[in-house]
PDB file of N, CA and C in Angstrom:
ATOM      1  N   UNK A   1       0.780  -1.289  -0.006  1.00  0.00           N
ATOM      2  CA  UNK A   1       0.134   0.021  -0.130  1.00  0.00           C
ATOM      3  C   UNK A   1       0.896   1.403  -0.093  1.00  0.00           C
ATOM      4  N   UNK A   2       1.403   1.690  -1.108  1.00  0.00           N
ATOM      5  CA  UNK A   2       2.271   2.763  -1.311  1.00  0.00           C
ATOM      6  C   UNK A   2       1.538   4.085  -1.474  1.00  0.00           C
ATOM      7  N   UNK A   3       0.199   4.097  -1.803  1.00  0.00           N
ATOM      8  CA  UNK A   3      -0.561   5.203  -1.952  1.00  0.00           C
ATOM      9  C   UNK A   3      -0.398   6.128  -0.657  1.00  0.00           C
ATOM     10  N   UNK A   4       0.074   7.212  -0.920  1.00  0.00           N
ATOM     11  CA  UNK A   4       0.267   8.318   0.171  1.00  0.00           C
ATOM     12  C   UNK A   4      -0.923   9.222   0.420  1.00  0.00           C
ATOM     13  N   UNK A   5      -1.888   9.000  -0.469  1.00  0.00           N
ATOM     14  CA  UNK A   5      -3.205   9.900  -0.316  1.00  0.00           C
ATOM     15  C   UNK A   5      -3.785   9.466   0.935  1.00  0.00           C
ATOM     16  N   UNK A   6      -4.108  10.640   1.740  1.00  0.00           N
ATOM     17  CA  UNK A   6      -4.929  10.350   3.092  1.00  0.00           C
ATOM     18  C   UNK A   6      -6.289  10.755   2.749  1.00  0.00           C
ATOM     19  N   UNK A   7      -7.164   9.713   2.706  1.00  0.00           N
ATOM     20  CA  UNK A   7      -8.577   9.931   2.438  1.00  0.00           C
ATOM     21  C   UNK A   7      -9.454   9.684   3.671  1.00  0.00           C
ATOM     22  N   UNK A   8      -8.931   9.007   4.672  1.00  0.00           N
ATOM     23  CA  UNK A   8      -9.706   8.817   5.790  1.00  0.00           C
ATOM     24  C   UNK A   8      -9.056   9.546   6.941  1.00  0.00           C
ATOM     25  N   UNK A   9      -9.617  10.717   7.102  1.00  0.00           N
ATOM     26  CA  UNK A   9      -9.137  11.441   8.297  1.00  0.00           C
ATOM     27  C   UNK A   9      -9.977  11.151   9.481  1.00  0.00           C
ATOM     28  N   UNK A  10     -11.040  10.744   9.467  1.00  0.00           N
ATOM     29  CA  UNK A  10     -11.996  10.382  10.614  1.00  0.00           C
ATOM     30  C   UNK A  10     -12.908   9.467  10.270  1.00  0.00           C
ATOM     31  N   UNK A  11     -13.495   8.634  11.276  1.00  0.00           N
ATOM     32  CA  UNK A  11     -14.559   7.853  11.131  1.00  0.00           C
ATOM     33  C   UNK A  11     -15.900   8.463  11.518  1.00  0.00           C
ATOM     34  N   UNK A  12     -15.762   9.778  11.961  1.00  0.00           N
ATOM     35  CA  UNK A  12     -16.963  10.541  12.566  1.00  0.00           C
ATOM     36  C   UNK A  12     -17.804  11.135  11.340  1.00  0.00           C
ATOM     37  N   UNK A  13     -19.119  10.768  11.130  1.00  0.00           N
ATOM     38  CA  UNK A  13     -20.022  11.316  10.452  1.00  0.00           C
ATOM     39  C   UNK A  13     -21.024  12.079  11.051  1.00  0.00           C
ATOM     40  N   UNK A  14     -21.829  12.897  10.193  1.00  0.00           N
ATOM     41  CA  UNK A  14     -22.903  13.655  10.830  1.00  0.00           C
ATOM     42  C   UNK A  14     -24.134  12.770  10.874  1.00  0.00           C
ATOM     43  N   UNK A  15     -24.245  11.970  10.056  1.00  0.00           N
ATOM     44  CA  UNK A  15     -25.569  11.037   9.813  1.00  0.00           C
ATOM     45  C   UNK A  15     -25.243   9.652   9.706  1.00  0.00           C
ATOM     46  N   UNK A  16     -26.194   8.825   9.879  1.00  0.00           N
ATOM     47  CA  UNK A  16     -25.933   7.320   9.592  1.00  0.00           C
ATOM     48  C   UNK A  16     -25.844   7.170   8.078  1.00  0.00           C
ATOM     49  N   UNK A  17     -26.638   8.176   7.229  1.00  0.00           N
ATOM     50  CA  UNK A  17     -26.345   8.019   5.705  1.00  0.00           C
ATOM     51  C   UNK A  17     -25.040   8.239   5.220  1.00  0.00           C
ATOM     52  N   UNK A  18     -24.328   9.328   5.904  1.00  0.00           N
ATOM     53  CA  UNK A  18     -22.947   9.641   5.613  1.00  0.00           C
ATOM     54  C   UNK A  18     -22.060   8.465   6.032  1.00  0.00           C
ATOM     55  N   UNK A  19     -22.491   7.969   7.270  1.00  0.00           N
ATOM     56  CA  UNK A  19     -21.487   6.721   7.546  1.00  0.00           C
ATOM     57  C   UNK A  19     -21.685   5.586   6.791  1.00  0.00           C
ATOM     58  N   UNK A  20     -22.903   5.374   6.019  1.00  0.00           N
ATOM     59  CA  UNK A  20     -22.971   4.180   5.112  1.00  0.00           C
ATOM     60  C   UNK A  20     -22.103   4.548   3.807  1.00  0.00           C
ATOM     61  N   UNK A  21     -22.303   5.722   3.579  1.00  0.00           N
ATOM     62  CA  UNK A  21     -21.417   6.375   2.339  1.00  0.00           C
ATOM     63  C   UNK A  21     -19.900   6.015   2.539  1.00  0.00           C
ATOM     64  N   UNK A  22     -19.501   6.317   3.682  1.00  0.00           N
ATOM     65  CA  UNK A  22     -18.066   6.252   4.187  1.00  0.00           C
ATOM     66  C   UNK A  22     -17.688   4.634   4.212  1.00  0.00           C
ATOM     67  N   UNK A  23     -18.682   3.852   4.537  1.00  0.00           N
ATOM     68  CA  UNK A  23     -18.495   2.532   4.600  1.00  0.00           C
ATOM     69  C   UNK A  23     -18.250   1.920   3.405  1.00  0.00           C
ATOM     70  N   UNK A  24     -19.052   2.325   2.192  1.00  0.00           N
ATOM     71  CA  UNK A  24     -19.066   1.952   0.769  1.00  0.00           C
ATOM     72  C   UNK A  24     -17.710   2.383   0.547  1.00  0.00           C
ATOM     73  N   UNK A  25     -17.268   3.455   0.543  1.00  0.00           N
ATOM     74  CA  UNK A  25     -15.920   4.157   0.306  1.00  0.00           C
ATOM     75  C   UNK A  25     -14.884   3.281   0.774  1.00  0.00           C
ATOM     76  N   UNK A  26     -14.931   2.970   2.216  1.00  0.00           N
ATOM     77  CA  UNK A  26     -13.789   2.028   2.701  1.00  0.00           C
ATOM     78  C   UNK A  26     -13.650   0.817   2.058  1.00  0.00           C
ATOM     79  N   UNK A  27     -14.807   0.130   1.780  1.00  0.00           N
ATOM     80  CA  UNK A  27     -14.733  -1.164   1.288  1.00  0.00           C
ATOM     81  C   UNK A  27     -14.179  -1.166  -0.310  1.00  0.00           C
ATOM     82  N   UNK A  28     -14.508  -0.104  -1.056  1.00  0.00           N
ATOM     83  CA  UNK A  28     -14.029   0.227  -2.362  1.00  0.00           C
ATOM     84  C   UNK A  28     -12.388   0.606  -2.269  1.00  0.00           C
ATOM     85  N   UNK A  29     -12.100   1.209  -1.377  1.00  0.00           N
ATOM     86  CA  UNK A  29     -10.537   1.608  -1.147  1.00  0.00           C
ATOM     87  C   UNK A  29      -9.917   0.286  -0.770  1.00  0.00           C
ATOM     88  N   UNK A  30     -10.467  -0.582  -0.092  1.00  0.00           N
ATOM     89  CA  UNK A  30      -9.857  -1.887   0.272  1.00  0.00           C
ATOM     90  C   UNK A  30      -9.589  -2.547  -0.900  1.00  0.00           C
ATOM     91  N   UNK A  31     -10.611  -2.827  -1.710  1.00  0.00           N
ATOM     92  CA  UNK A  31     -10.408  -3.598  -2.910  1.00  0.00           C
ATOM     93  C   UNK A  31      -9.367  -3.089  -3.859  1.00  0.00           C
ATOM     94  N   UNK A  32      -9.416  -1.537  -4.175  1.00  0.00           N
ATOM     95  CA  UNK A  32      -8.331  -1.194  -4.780  1.00  0.00           C
ATOM     96  C   UNK A  32      -6.762  -1.074  -4.238  1.00  0.00           C
ATOM     97  N   UNK A  33      -6.761  -1.421  -2.950  1.00  0.00           N
ATOM     98  CA  UNK A  33      -5.433  -1.597  -2.179  1.00  0.00           C
ATOM     99  C   UNK A  33      -4.929  -2.853  -2.487  1.00  0.00           C
ATOM    100  N   UNK A  34      -5.980  -3.791  -2.577  1.00  0.00           N
ATOM    101  CA  UNK A  34      -5.639  -5.253  -2.620  1.00  0.00           C
ATOM    102  C   UNK A  34      -5.288  -5.657  -4.180  1.00  0.00           C
ATOM    103  N   UNK A  35      -6.151  -5.045  -4.998  1.00  0.00           N
ATOM    104  CA  UNK A  35      -5.827  -5.166  -6.607  1.00  0.00           C
ATOM    105  C   UNK A  35      -5.570  -3.854  -7.090  1.00  0.00           C
ATOM    106  N   UNK A  36      -4.249  -3.656  -7.216  1.00  0.00           N
ATOM    107  CA  UNK A  36      -3.855  -2.162  -7.595  1.00  0.00           C
ATOM    108  C   UNK A  36      -3.988  -1.947  -8.982  1.00  0.00           C
ATOM    109  N   UNK A  37      -4.264  -3.000  -9.922  1.00  0.00           N
ATOM    110  CA  UNK A  37      -4.318  -2.614 -11.310  1.00  0.00           C
ATOM    111  C   UNK A  37      -5.759  -2.290 -11.509  1.00  0.00           C
ATOM    112  N   UNK A  38      -6.106  -0.971 -11.932  1.00  0.00           N
ATOM    113  CA  UNK A  38      -7.468  -0.711 -12.269  1.00  0.00           C
ATOM    114  C   UNK A  38      -7.982  -1.414 -13.498  1.00  0.00           C
ATOM    115  N   UNK A  39      -7.080  -1.749 -14.460  1.00  0.00           N
ATOM    116  CA  UNK A  39      -7.826  -2.523 -15.539  1.00  0.00           C
ATOM    117  C   UNK A  39      -8.258  -3.925 -15.152  1.00  0.00           C
ATOM    118  N   UNK A  40      -7.593  -4.396 -14.260  1.00  0.00           N
ATOM    119  CA  UNK A  40      -7.886  -5.760 -13.779  1.00  0.00           C
ATOM    120  C   UNK A  40      -9.191  -5.767 -12.886  1.00  0.00           C
ATOM    121  N   UNK A  41      -9.245  -4.767 -12.176  1.00  0.00           N
ATOM    122  CA  UNK A  41     -10.449  -4.556 -11.412  1.00  0.00           C
ATOM    123  C   UNK A  41     -11.587  -4.292 -12.534  1.00  0.00           C
ATOM    124  N   UNK A  42     -11.502  -3.504 -13.486  1.00  0.00           N
ATOM    125  CA  UNK A  42     -12.526  -3.381 -14.387  1.00  0.00           C
ATOM    126  C   UNK A  42     -12.871  -4.582 -15.129  1.00  0.00           C
ATOM    127  N   UNK A  43     -11.939  -5.415 -15.567  1.00  0.00           N
ATOM    128  CA  UNK A  43     -12.028  -6.692 -16.228  1.00  0.00           C
ATOM    129  C   UNK A  43     -13.128  -7.659 -15.265  1.00  0.00           C
ATOM    130  N   UNK A  44     -12.592  -7.647 -13.874  1.00  0.00           N
ATOM    131  CA  UNK A  44     -13.248  -8.542 -12.965  1.00  0.00           C
ATOM    132  C   UNK A  44     -14.619  -8.231 -12.725  1.00  0.00           C
ATOM    133  N   UNK A  45     -14.860  -6.884 -12.924  1.00  0.00           N
ATOM    134  CA  UNK A  45     -16.269  -6.421 -12.479  1.00  0.00           C
ATOM    135  C   UNK A  45     -17.398  -7.202 -13.031  1.00  0.00           C
ATOM    136  N   UNK A  46     -17.376  -7.574 -14.389  1.00  0.00           N
ATOM    137  CA  UNK A  46     -18.426  -8.338 -15.010  1.00  0.00           C
ATOM    138  C   UNK A  46     -18.416  -9.833 -14.409  1.00  0.00           C
ATOM    139  N   UNK A  47     -17.516 -10.274 -13.793  1.00  0.00           N
ATOM    140  CA  UNK A  47     -17.613 -11.573 -13.158  1.00  0.00           C
ATOM    141  C   UNK A  47     -18.447 -11.462 -11.949  1.00  0.00           C
ATOM    142  N   UNK A  48     -18.076 -10.516 -11.049  1.00  0.00           N
ATOM    143  CA  UNK A  48     -18.936 -10.486  -9.784  1.00  0.00           C
ATOM    144  C   UNK A  48     -20.325  -9.818 -10.046  1.00  0.00           C
ATOM    145  N   UNK A  49     -20.461  -8.906 -10.969  1.00  0.00           N
ATOM    146  CA  UNK A  49     -21.770  -8.178 -11.230  1.00  0.00           C
ATOM    147  C   UNK A  49     -22.811  -9.317 -11.427  1.00  0.00           C
ATOM    148  N   UNK A  50     -22.485 -10.467 -11.965  1.00  0.00           N
ATOM    149  CA  UNK A  50     -23.566 -11.318 -12.176  1.00  0.00           C
ATOM    150  C   UNK A  50     -23.526 -12.516 -11.335  1.00  0.00           C
ATOM    151  N   UNK A  51     -22.817 -12.452 -10.291  1.00  0.00           N
ATOM    152  CA  UNK A  51     -22.532 -13.637  -9.245  1.00  0.00           C
ATOM    153  C   UNK A  51     -23.301 -13.120  -7.996  1.00  0.00           C
ATOM    154  N   UNK A  52     -24.407 -13.872  -7.638  1.00  0.00           N
ATOM    155  CA  UNK A  52     -25.085 -13.404  -6.479  1.00  0.00           C
ATOM    156  C   UNK A  52     -24.267 -13.729  -5.154  1.00  0.00           C
ATOM    157  N   UNK A  53     -23.538 -14.681  -5.095  1.00  0.00           N
ATOM    158  CA  UNK A  53     -22.680 -15.029  -3.802  1.00  0.00           C
ATOM    159  C   UNK A  53     -21.697 -13.819  -3.719  1.00  0.00           C
ATOM    160  N   UNK A  54     -20.986 -13.573  -4.946  1.00  0.00           N
ATOM    161  CA  UNK A  54     -20.034 -12.325  -4.668  1.00  0.00           C
ATOM    162  C   UNK A  54     -20.678 -10.980  -4.303  1.00  0.00           C
ATOM    163  N   UNK A  55     -21.772 -10.810  -4.904  1.00  0.00           N
ATOM    164  CA  UNK A  55     -22.581  -9.608  -4.431  1.00  0.00           C
ATOM    165  C   UNK A  55     -22.817  -9.549  -3.070  1.00  0.00           C
ATOM    166  N   UNK A  56     -23.250 -10.649  -2.432  1.00  0.00           N
ATOM    167  CA  UNK A  56     -23.829 -10.854  -0.997  1.00  0.00           C
ATOM    168  C   UNK A  56     -22.469 -10.576  -0.121  1.00  0.00           C
ATOM    169  N   UNK A  57     -21.404 -11.149  -0.671  1.00  0.00           N
ATOM    170  CA  UNK A  57     -20.026 -11.060   0.158  1.00  0.00           C
ATOM    171  C   UNK A  57     -19.706  -9.626   0.122  1.00  0.00           C
ATOM    172  N   UNK A  58     -19.894  -8.922  -0.982  1.00  0.00           N
ATOM    173  CA  UNK A  58     -19.460  -7.587  -1.182  1.00  0.00           C
ATOM    174  C   UNK A  58     -20.236  -6.773  -0.007  1.00  0.00           C
ATOM    175  N   UNK A  59     -21.628  -7.049  -0.052  1.00  0.00           N
ATOM    176  CA  UNK A  59     -22.551  -6.389   0.868  1.00  0.00           C
ATOM    177  C   UNK A  59     -22.188  -6.653   2.313  1.00  0.00           C
ATOM    178  N   UNK A  60     -21.650  -7.749   2.625  1.00  0.00           N
ATOM    179  CA  UNK A  60     -21.283  -8.129   3.911  1.00  0.00           C
ATOM    180  C   UNK A  60     -19.978  -7.368   4.418  1.00  0.00           C
ATOM    181  N   UNK A  61     -19.057  -7.077   3.424  1.00  0.00           N
ATOM    182  CA  UNK A  61     -17.976  -6.187   3.670  1.00  0.00           C
ATOM    183  C   UNK A  61     -18.312  -4.896   4.030  1.00  0.00           C
ATOM    184  N   UNK A  62     -19.298  -4.222   3.289  1.00  0.00           N
ATOM    185  CA  UNK A  62     -19.746  -3.003   3.551  1.00  0.00           C
ATOM    186  C   UNK A  62     -20.340  -2.985   4.855  1.00  0.00           C
ATOM    187  N   UNK A  63     -21.124  -3.928   5.089  1.00  0.00           N
ATOM    188  CA  UNK A  63     -21.822  -4.080   6.519  1.00  0.00           C
ATOM    189  C   UNK A  63     -20.840  -4.085   7.863  1.00  0.00           C
ATOM    190  N   UNK A  64     -19.889  -4.682   7.461  1.00  0.00           N
ATOM    191  CA  UNK A  64     -18.717  -4.720   8.553  1.00  0.00           C
ATOM    192  C   UNK A  64     -18.148  -3.479   8.743  1.00  0.00           C
ATOM    193  N   UNK A  65     -17.884  -2.895   7.560  1.00  0.00           N
ATOM    194  CA  UNK A  65     -17.253  -1.459   7.696  1.00  0.00           C
ATOM    195  C   UNK A  65     -18.252  -0.532   8.291  1.00  0.00           C
ATOM    196  N   UNK A  66     -19.671  -0.586   8.020  1.00  0.00           N
ATOM    197  CA  UNK A  66     -20.645   0.148   8.400  1.00  0.00           C
ATOM    198  C   UNK A  66     -20.697  -0.038  10.183  1.00  0.00           C
ATOM    199  N   UNK A  67     -20.411  -1.241  10.486  1.00  0.00           N
ATOM    200  CA  UNK A  67     -20.494  -1.492  11.942  1.00  0.00           C
ATOM    201  C   UNK A  67     -19.347  -0.594  12.652  1.00  0.00           C
ATOM    202  N   UNK A  68     -18.224  -0.687  12.005  1.00  0.00           N
ATOM    203  CA  UNK A  68     -17.044   0.185  12.558  1.00  0.00           C
ATOM    204  C   UNK A  68     -17.243   1.596  12.604  1.00  0.00           C
ATOM    205  N   UNK A  69     -17.975   2.203  11.501  1.00  0.00           N
ATOM    206  CA  UNK A  69     -18.211   3.562  11.543  1.00  0.00           C
ATOM    207  C   UNK A  69     -19.306   3.848  12.495  1.00  0.00           C
ATOM    208  N   UNK A  70     -20.447   3.030  12.555  1.00  0.00           N
ATOM    209  CA  UNK A  70     -21.430   3.359  13.474  1.00  0.00           C
ATOM    210  C   UNK A  70     -20.927   3.233  14.999  1.00  0.00           C
ATOM    211  N   UNK A  71     -20.085   2.284  15.320  1.00  0.00           N
ATOM    212  CA  UNK A  71     -19.580   2.295  16.751  1.00  0.00           C
ATOM    213  C   UNK A  71     -18.745   3.506  16.915  1.00  0.00           C
ATOM    214  N   UNK A  72     -17.909   4.021  15.949  1.00  0.00           N
ATOM    215  CA  UNK A  72     -17.046   5.265  16.210  1.00  0.00           C
ATOM    216  C   UNK A  72     -17.977   6.413  16.476  1.00  0.00           C
ATOM    217  N   UNK A  73     -19.106   6.341  15.937  1.00  0.00           N
ATOM    218  CA  UNK A  73     -20.024   7.462  16.027  1.00  0.00           C
ATOM    219  C   UNK A  73     -21.077   7.288  17.239  1.00  0.00           C
ATOM    220  N   UNK A  74     -20.657   6.329  18.028  1.00  0.00           N
ATOM    221  CA  UNK A  74     -21.699   6.146  19.124  1.00  0.00           C
ATOM    222  C   UNK A  74     -23.086   5.867  18.725  1.00  0.00           C
ATOM    223  N   UNK A  75     -23.169   5.095  17.579  1.00  0.00           N
ATOM    224  CA  UNK A  75     -24.549   4.933  16.928  1.00  0.00           C
ATOM    225  C   UNK A  75     -25.381   6.096  16.622  1.00  0.00           C
ATOM    226  N   UNK A  76     -24.718   7.247  16.542  1.00  0.00           N
ATOM    227  CA  UNK A  76     -25.370   8.587  16.318  1.00  0.00           C
ATOM    228  C   UNK A  76     -26.420   8.896  17.530  1.00  0.00           C
ATOM    229  N   UNK A  77     -26.150   8.467  18.622  1.00  0.00           N
ATOM    230  CA  UNK A  77     -26.882   8.684  19.834  1.00  0.00           C
ATOM    231  C   UNK A  77     -26.607  10.158  20.150  1.00  0.00           C
TER     232      UNK A  77
END
């Protein structure tokens, strides 16, 4: 992970909606960090776009990221 871009300065968000959007971004950034070639990611997109199991797995990753964000925000209480 050589990318020096700082894109995650805080897990704190104003609303649960912003928290979910952050969770999606976190999941996408993780995929990009693991598979660093954007052309390969683009090529693989067709494979998982039609695979229910892979889509559910992706949703699970986002749900885990959202749990992290929600806890950091004290569940917006």
